[in-house]
Every structure is written in C-alpha cells, then in structure tokens.
C-alpha cells in the first residue's frame, strides 16, 4: 500500500489567527526560540500498490481542486512516503 502526503498552507497575505495564538503561547511555555508560526493542513492519501507518477499527478489535481481553497491557500507539497 502506498501513501501520498499533501501539505496545504494559508497564502502569506492571509491572516492566520491559529498560528498567531500558538506563536504567543510558545514563549510562555519555554519555547522562546520560535518567532512565528503558520498553521496549515496535512492530508494522507492511501492507494493500493505503489505510488506512480500518475497517482502523484492525480493527487496534485485533487489537492488543487478539492483539498485546498485556491483563493486563500497554497498547495506546498505533494509527495509519496514509505508505507
């Protein structure tokens, strides 16, 4: 069984209140080395058999049309990962 991972992030010009809240909490919890946070989405798509270039292309298409909102989000990665 193969797996494809799709990562989606808000476009840089879009406000990210969840990321801002996490960025504010990190220093209070002892993690002062991080200066900003952006929160995105991760999808894991499983397929029967190996991940082929055709499957990656279909995953890219699905990411751009179903898994993300192209007005406010960018698909930043579509990649195969080990089973």
C-alpha atoms as a PDB file:
ATOM      1  CA  UNK A   1       0.000   0.000   0.000  1.00  0.00           C
ATOM      2  CA  UNK A   2       1.347   3.425  -0.939  1.00  0.00           C
ATOM      3  CA  UNK A   3       0.773   6.785   0.653  1.00  0.00           C
ATOM      4  CA  UNK A   4       0.769  10.322  -0.712  1.00  0.00           C
ATOM      5  CA  UNK A   5       1.072  13.311   1.621  1.00  0.00           C
ATOM      6  CA  UNK A   6      -0.396  16.699   0.657  1.00  0.00           C
ATOM      7  CA  UNK A   7       0.546  19.794   2.653  1.00  0.00           C
ATOM      8  CA  UNK A   8      -1.565  22.953   2.316  1.00  0.00           C
ATOM      9  CA  UNK A   9      -0.724  26.316   3.885  1.00  0.00           C
ATOM     10  CA  UNK A  10      -2.504  29.657   4.013  1.00  0.00           C
ATOM     11  CA  UNK A  11      -1.201  32.128   1.453  1.00  0.00           C
ATOM     12  CA  UNK A  12       1.341  34.543   3.016  1.00  0.00           C
ATOM     13  CA  UNK A  13      -1.043  37.507   2.782  1.00  0.00           C
ATOM     14  CA  UNK A  14      -3.849  35.666   4.630  1.00  0.00           C
ATOM     15  CA  UNK A  15      -4.128  36.203   8.386  1.00  0.00           C
ATOM     16  CA  UNK A  16      -3.532  33.064  10.457  1.00  0.00           C
ATOM     17  CA  UNK A  17      -5.159  33.529  13.884  1.00  0.00           C
ATOM     18  CA  UNK A  18      -4.437  29.937  14.966  1.00  0.00           C
ATOM     19  CA  UNK A  19      -0.766  30.313  14.105  1.00  0.00           C
ATOM     20  CA  UNK A  20      -0.662  33.675  15.907  1.00  0.00           C
ATOM     21  CA  UNK A  21      -2.201  32.103  19.035  1.00  0.00           C
ATOM     22  CA  UNK A  22       0.335  29.275  19.008  1.00  0.00           C
ATOM     23  CA  UNK A  23       3.181  31.771  18.448  1.00  0.00           C
ATOM     24  CA  UNK A  24       2.004  33.684  21.524  1.00  0.00           C
ATOM     25  CA  UNK A  25       1.814  30.554  23.670  1.00  0.00           C
ATOM     26  CA  UNK A  26       5.218  29.090  22.771  1.00  0.00           C
ATOM     27  CA  UNK A  27       7.356  31.600  24.722  1.00  0.00           C
ATOM     28  CA  UNK A  28       5.121  31.243  27.778  1.00  0.00           C
ATOM     29  CA  UNK A  29       5.780  27.503  27.656  1.00  0.00           C
ATOM     30  CA  UNK A  30       9.560  27.872  27.402  1.00  0.00           C
ATOM     31  CA  UNK A  31       9.983  27.820  23.609  1.00  0.00           C
ATOM     32  CA  UNK A  32      11.245  31.360  23.027  1.00  0.00           C
ATOM     33  CA  UNK A  33      13.440  30.426  20.040  1.00  0.00           C
ATOM     34  CA  UNK A  34      10.474  30.432  17.621  1.00  0.00           C
ATOM     35  CA  UNK A  35       9.468  33.824  16.261  1.00  0.00           C
ATOM     36  CA  UNK A  36       6.382  32.969  14.194  1.00  0.00           C
ATOM     37  CA  UNK A  37       4.022  30.106  13.401  1.00  0.00           C
ATOM     38  CA  UNK A  38       1.784  29.369  10.411  1.00  0.00           C
ATOM     39  CA  UNK A  39      -0.725  26.556  10.767  1.00  0.00           C
ATOM     40  CA  UNK A  40      -1.679  24.509   7.733  1.00  0.00           C
ATOM     41  CA  UNK A  41      -3.325  21.232   6.793  1.00  0.00           C
ATOM     42  CA  UNK A  42      -1.880  17.792   6.020  1.00  0.00           C
ATOM     43  CA  UNK A  43      -3.713  15.093   4.090  1.00  0.00           C
ATOM     44  CA  UNK A  44      -2.574  11.476   3.799  1.00  0.00           C
ATOM     45  CA  UNK A  45      -3.983   9.624   0.807  1.00  0.00           C
ATOM     46  CA  UNK A  46      -3.549   5.847   0.672  1.00  0.00           C
ATOM     47  CA  UNK A  47      -3.535   3.883  -2.572  1.00  0.00           C
ATOM     48  CA  UNK A  48      -3.384   0.226  -3.464  1.00  0.00           C
ATOM     49  CA  UNK A  49       0.082  -0.708  -4.700  1.00  0.00           C
ATOM     50  CA  UNK A  50       2.942   1.644  -5.491  1.00  0.00           C
ATOM     51  CA  UNK A  51       2.689   5.406  -5.851  1.00  0.00           C
ATOM     52  CA  UNK A  52       3.241   6.086  -9.539  1.00  0.00           C
ATOM     53  CA  UNK A  53       3.761   9.404 -11.340  1.00  0.00           C
ATOM     54  CA  UNK A  54       0.131   9.148 -12.493  1.00  0.00           C
ATOM     55  CA  UNK A  55      -1.070   8.817  -8.903  1.00  0.00           C
ATOM     56  CA  UNK A  56       1.058  11.805  -7.852  1.00  0.00           C
ATOM     57  CA  UNK A  57      -0.437  13.837 -10.708  1.00  0.00           C
ATOM     58  CA  UNK A  58      -3.957  12.852  -9.621  1.00  0.00           C
ATOM     59  CA  UNK A  59      -3.114  13.784  -6.021  1.00  0.00           C
ATOM     60  CA  UNK A  60      -1.828  17.179  -7.192  1.00  0.00           C
ATOM     61  CA  UNK A  61      -5.070  17.731  -9.119  1.00  0.00           C
ATOM     62  CA  UNK A  62      -7.153  16.684  -6.098  1.00  0.00           C
ATOM     63  CA  UNK A  63      -5.094  18.967  -3.869  1.00  0.00           C
ATOM     64  CA  UNK A  64      -5.693  21.962  -6.120  1.00  0.00           C
ATOM     65  CA  UNK A  65      -9.424  21.336  -6.669  1.00  0.00           C
ATOM     66  CA  UNK A  66     -10.762  19.608  -3.541  1.00  0.00           C
ATOM     67  CA  UNK A  67      -8.268  19.630  -0.663  1.00  0.00           C
ATOM     68  CA  UNK A  68      -7.411  23.331  -0.764  1.00  0.00           C
ATOM     69  CA  UNK A  69      -9.172  26.625  -1.290  1.00  0.00           C
ATOM     70  CA  UNK A  70      -7.057  28.270  -4.018  1.00  0.00           C
ATOM     71  CA  UNK A  71      -8.278  31.735  -3.046  1.00  0.00           C
ATOM     72  CA  UNK A  72      -6.623  31.610   0.392  1.00  0.00           C
ATOM     73  CA  UNK A  73      -4.354  28.523   0.376  1.00  0.00           C
ATOM     74  CA  UNK A  74      -1.331  27.187  -1.478  1.00  0.00           C
ATOM     75  CA  UNK A  75      -0.563  23.522  -2.055  1.00  0.00           C
ATOM     76  CA  UNK A  76       3.041  23.451  -0.866  1.00  0.00           C
ATOM     77  CA  UNK A  77       3.879  19.768  -1.284  1.00  0.00           C
ATOM     78  CA  UNK A  78       2.546  16.577  -2.799  1.00  0.00           C
ATOM     79  CA  UNK A  79       4.887  13.662  -2.203  1.00  0.00           C
ATOM     80  CA  UNK A  80       4.995   9.896  -1.836  1.00  0.00           C
ATOM     81  CA  UNK A  81       6.035   8.485   1.528  1.00  0.00           C
ATOM     82  CA  UNK A  82       7.018   4.987   2.602  1.00  0.00           C
ATOM     83  CA  UNK A  83       4.270   2.594   3.595  1.00  0.00           C
END
